């Protein structure tokens, strides 16, 4: 059997356990190259490592292994098709991770700015960097937790549907309109050139800030 690897040797080459190989055989995505009819020992060919590598790639990309079986069943060139789809999925994951990293960096920057004002109470002035928001006029009481939850969820879903990257948490802002104060619920979003009826951009400057509490009464 010098042209084959034992199941233990084959598993060791990629750091998987024997039970995993037995499972891949059970679901029909990687069969031994040879099974001894008497001992039932399983042996694998070195070239089967490419299939094992694709299986491990599927696991890393959270692609169900049953999907891999479908590739094998319908396409003679399944490895190429699988790798092309894997490349697309990997790019999507990288894009999401890059967005998550931008959210973390943005939030840390805002937190560093806020730290300078933590001791302030009530209404106070503070300097802000250029920031982007999604806003929704808020009609009702701040203490109405159910209403706040409903409107904030709707606004979050709206922002996501328009392609904005929401940065938590949310808050309130106020505008003077014809001698009437209007209140808006807002979410910070990552800098974007997108514009909608609910998007808003604040340029670097000074604004009035009021600390509010939404504690249940």
Protein backbone atom coordinates (compact mmCIF):
# COMPACT_ATOMS: atom_id res chain seq x y z
CA UNK A 1 0.00 0.00 0.00
CA UNK A 2 2.95 2.30 -0.59
CA UNK A 3 0.91 4.44 -3.02
CA UNK A 4 -1.71 5.18 -0.38
CA UNK A 5 -1.90 6.91 2.98
CA UNK A 6 -3.57 5.34 5.97
CA UNK A 7 -6.58 7.19 7.31
CA UNK A 8 -4.48 8.37 10.25
CA UNK A 9 -1.67 9.65 8.01
CA UNK A 10 -4.15 11.37 5.71
CA UNK A 11 -5.94 13.04 8.60
CA UNK A 12 -2.66 14.22 10.14
CA UNK A 13 -1.62 16.05 6.96
CA UNK A 14 -4.44 18.58 7.44
CA UNK A 15 -4.85 18.39 11.20
CA UNK A 16 -8.29 16.80 11.13
CA UNK A 17 -9.43 13.83 13.16
CA UNK A 18 -10.32 10.40 11.82
CA UNK A 19 -13.96 10.77 12.85
CA UNK A 20 -14.23 13.79 10.55
CA UNK A 21 -13.01 11.73 7.60
CA UNK A 22 -15.50 9.00 8.45
CA UNK A 23 -18.26 11.63 8.53
CA UNK A 24 -17.24 13.03 5.13
CA UNK A 25 -17.44 9.48 3.78
CA UNK A 26 -20.85 8.96 5.38
CA UNK A 27 -22.37 12.03 3.71
CA UNK A 28 -20.75 11.15 0.40
CA UNK A 29 -18.26 13.95 -0.21
CA UNK A 30 -14.92 12.15 0.33
CA UNK A 31 -14.54 8.41 -0.07
CA UNK A 32 -11.35 6.41 0.61
CA UNK A 33 -9.38 5.54 -2.50
CA UNK A 34 -9.18 1.97 -1.27
CA UNK A 35 -10.80 -0.09 1.49
CA UNK A 36 -9.18 -3.38 2.44
CA UNK A 37 -11.94 -5.99 1.99
CA UNK A 38 -10.79 -8.04 4.99
CA UNK A 39 -9.56 -5.52 7.56
CA UNK A 40 -11.83 -2.68 6.38
CA UNK A 41 -8.89 -0.34 6.82
CA UNK A 42 -9.33 2.81 4.78
CA UNK A 43 -6.61 4.30 2.57
CA UNK A 44 -6.43 7.60 0.73
CA UNK A 45 -4.49 8.81 -2.32
CA UNK A 46 -2.31 11.93 -1.93
CA UNK A 47 -4.23 13.73 -4.69
CA UNK A 48 -7.37 13.52 -2.54
CA UNK A 49 -5.89 16.25 -0.37
CA UNK A 50 -7.30 18.80 -2.82
CA UNK A 51 -10.82 17.58 -2.06
CA UNK A 52 -10.11 17.68 1.66
CA UNK A 53 -8.81 21.24 1.30
CA UNK A 54 -12.06 22.29 -0.36
CA UNK A 55 -14.07 20.65 2.42
CA UNK A 56 -12.10 22.60 5.01
CA UNK A 57 -12.61 25.76 2.95
CA UNK A 58 -16.37 25.16 3.02
CA UNK A 59 -16.24 24.79 6.80
CA UNK A 60 -14.27 28.04 7.17
CA UNK A 61 -16.75 29.90 4.95
CA UNK A 62 -19.78 28.35 6.69
CA UNK A 63 -20.89 26.64 3.49
CA UNK A 64 -22.99 23.57 4.38
CA UNK A 65 -21.20 20.38 3.41
CA UNK A 66 -24.43 19.15 1.87
CA UNK A 67 -24.03 21.95 -0.66
CA UNK A 68 -20.63 20.52 -1.58
CA UNK A 69 -22.31 17.19 -2.31
CA UNK A 70 -24.64 18.98 -4.70
CA UNK A 71 -21.66 20.48 -6.55
CA UNK A 72 -20.15 17.04 -6.92
CA UNK A 73 -23.41 15.51 -8.16
CA UNK A 74 -24.24 18.02 -10.89
CA UNK A 75 -20.93 19.30 -12.22
CA UNK A 76 -17.97 17.33 -13.53
CA UNK A 77 -15.82 20.42 -12.93
CA UNK A 78 -17.22 20.90 -9.45
CA UNK A 79 -13.92 21.97 -7.88
CA UNK A 80 -13.59 25.00 -10.17
CA UNK A 81 -17.22 26.00 -9.63
CA UNK A 82 -16.89 25.49 -5.88
CA UNK A 83 -13.76 27.64 -5.72
CA UNK A 84 -15.36 30.40 -7.79
CA UNK A 85 -18.34 30.51 -5.44
CA UNK A 86 -16.01 30.29 -2.44
CA UNK A 87 -14.10 33.29 -3.74
CA UNK A 88 -17.32 35.30 -4.00
CA UNK A 89 -18.40 34.33 -0.48
CA UNK A 90 -14.94 35.13 0.92
CA UNK A 91 -15.06 38.61 -0.66
CA UNK A 92 -18.48 39.21 0.88
CA UNK A 93 -17.17 38.18 4.30
CA UNK A 94 -14.11 40.41 3.92
CA UNK A 95 -16.34 43.34 2.97
CA UNK A 96 -18.51 42.78 6.05
CA UNK A 97 -15.45 42.51 8.31
CA UNK A 98 -14.07 45.74 6.85
CA UNK A 99 -17.39 47.45 7.58
CA UNK A 100 -17.40 46.07 11.13
CA UNK A 101 -13.85 47.38 11.62
CA UNK A 102 -14.93 50.84 10.41
CA UNK A 103 -17.84 50.74 12.87
CA UNK A 104 -15.48 49.89 15.72
CA UNK A 105 -13.05 52.67 14.77
CA UNK A 106 -15.89 55.17 14.37
CA UNK A 107 -17.42 54.23 17.72
CA UNK A 108 -14.06 54.48 19.49
CA UNK A 109 -13.50 57.93 17.97
CA UNK A 110 -16.94 59.11 19.14
CA UNK A 111 -16.31 57.62 22.58
CA UNK A 112 -13.00 59.46 22.86
CA UNK A 113 -14.77 62.72 22.02
CA UNK A 114 -17.57 61.97 24.48
CA UNK A 115 -15.11 61.20 27.29
CA UNK A 116 -14.26 64.89 27.39
CA UNK A 117 -17.86 65.70 28.34
CA UNK A 118 -18.82 62.87 30.67
CA UNK A 119 -18.91 65.17 33.68
CA UNK A 120 -21.38 67.58 32.05
CA UNK A 121 -25.01 67.52 33.16
CA UNK A 122 -28.24 68.64 31.47
CA UNK A 123 -27.76 70.91 28.44
CA UNK A 124 -24.22 71.80 27.41
CA UNK A 125 -22.18 72.76 24.37
CA UNK A 126 -19.75 70.36 22.77
CA UNK A 127 -17.61 70.21 19.68
CA UNK A 128 -18.26 67.43 17.21
CA UNK A 129 -16.50 66.09 14.15
CA UNK A 130 -18.38 65.71 10.86
CA UNK A 131 -21.02 63.06 11.46
CA UNK A 132 -23.73 61.33 9.45
CA UNK A 133 -27.17 60.38 10.75
CA UNK A 134 -30.43 58.69 9.86
CA UNK A 135 -33.30 60.48 11.63
CA UNK A 136 -37.02 60.02 12.25
CA UNK A 137 -39.31 62.61 13.82
CA UNK A 138 -40.37 61.36 17.24
CA UNK A 139 -43.89 62.26 18.35
CA UNK A 140 -44.58 61.11 21.87
CA UNK A 141 -43.08 60.81 25.31
CA UNK A 142 -39.47 59.84 25.88
CA UNK A 143 -40.58 57.54 28.68
CA UNK A 144 -42.77 55.45 26.37
CA UNK A 145 -40.40 52.50 26.07
CA UNK A 146 -42.66 50.54 23.71
CA UNK A 147 -42.91 53.45 21.30
CA UNK A 148 -39.20 54.09 21.46
CA UNK A 149 -38.46 50.44 20.69
CA UNK A 150 -40.86 50.36 17.74
CA UNK A 151 -39.64 53.57 16.11
CA UNK A 152 -35.96 52.82 16.69
CA UNK A 153 -36.39 49.36 15.12
CA UNK A 154 -38.19 50.82 12.10
CA UNK A 155 -35.48 53.45 11.65
CA UNK A 156 -32.73 50.85 11.94
CA UNK A 157 -34.40 48.65 9.32
CA UNK A 158 -34.87 51.66 7.03
CA UNK A 159 -31.19 52.58 7.27
CA UNK A 160 -30.08 49.04 6.52
CA UNK A 161 -32.47 48.80 3.55
CA UNK A 162 -30.95 51.96 2.06
CA UNK A 163 -27.42 50.64 2.38
CA UNK A 164 -26.30 52.68 5.40
CA UNK A 165 -24.08 51.11 8.05
CA UNK A 166 -25.67 51.86 11.42
CA UNK A 167 -23.48 52.57 14.42
CA UNK A 168 -25.17 51.98 17.77
CA UNK A 169 -26.52 53.30 20.08
CA UNK A 170 -29.34 55.71 19.10
CA UNK A 171 -30.30 59.07 20.60
CA UNK A 172 -32.44 62.20 20.24
CA UNK A 173 -31.81 65.55 18.56
CA UNK A 174 -33.94 68.69 18.51
CA UNK A 175 -34.60 71.38 15.86
CA UNK A 176 -36.31 74.74 16.11
CA UNK A 177 -38.86 75.03 13.29
CA UNK A 178 -41.09 78.16 13.12
CA UNK A 179 -40.78 78.64 16.88
CA UNK A 180 -41.64 74.99 17.44
CA UNK A 181 -39.21 72.46 18.80
CA UNK A 182 -39.25 69.21 16.84
CA UNK A 183 -37.63 66.11 18.25
CA UNK A 184 -36.00 63.36 16.21
CA UNK A 185 -34.70 59.92 16.97
CA UNK A 186 -31.35 59.28 15.30
CA UNK A 187 -28.73 56.67 14.56
CA UNK A 188 -25.16 57.47 13.67
CA UNK A 189 -24.16 55.90 10.36
CA UNK A 190 -20.78 55.50 8.75
CA UNK A 191 -19.77 58.33 6.35
CA UNK A 192 -21.64 57.88 3.09
CA UNK A 193 -22.42 59.78 -0.10
CA UNK A 194 -25.92 58.27 -0.11
CA UNK A 195 -28.78 60.71 0.43
CA UNK A 196 -32.36 59.98 1.44
CA UNK A 197 -35.18 61.97 2.99
CA UNK A 198 -34.08 60.68 6.38
CA UNK A 199 -30.32 61.13 6.04
CA UNK A 200 -28.54 64.06 7.64
CA UNK A 201 -24.98 65.33 7.70
CA UNK A 202 -23.56 67.51 10.47
CA UNK A 203 -20.37 69.30 9.60
CA UNK A 204 -17.64 69.79 12.15
CA UNK A 205 -18.70 72.42 14.66
CA UNK A 206 -20.39 73.10 18.00
CA UNK A 207 -23.81 71.86 19.08
CA UNK A 208 -26.04 71.83 22.14
CA UNK A 209 -26.33 68.45 23.83
CA UNK A 210 -28.87 67.37 26.44
CA UNK A 211 -28.41 64.22 28.51
CA UNK A 212 -31.70 62.36 28.92
CA UNK A 213 -32.64 59.18 30.76
CA UNK A 214 -35.21 56.69 29.45
CA UNK A 215 -35.55 54.80 32.72
CA UNK A 216 -38.88 53.01 33.13
CA UNK A 217 -41.15 54.77 35.64
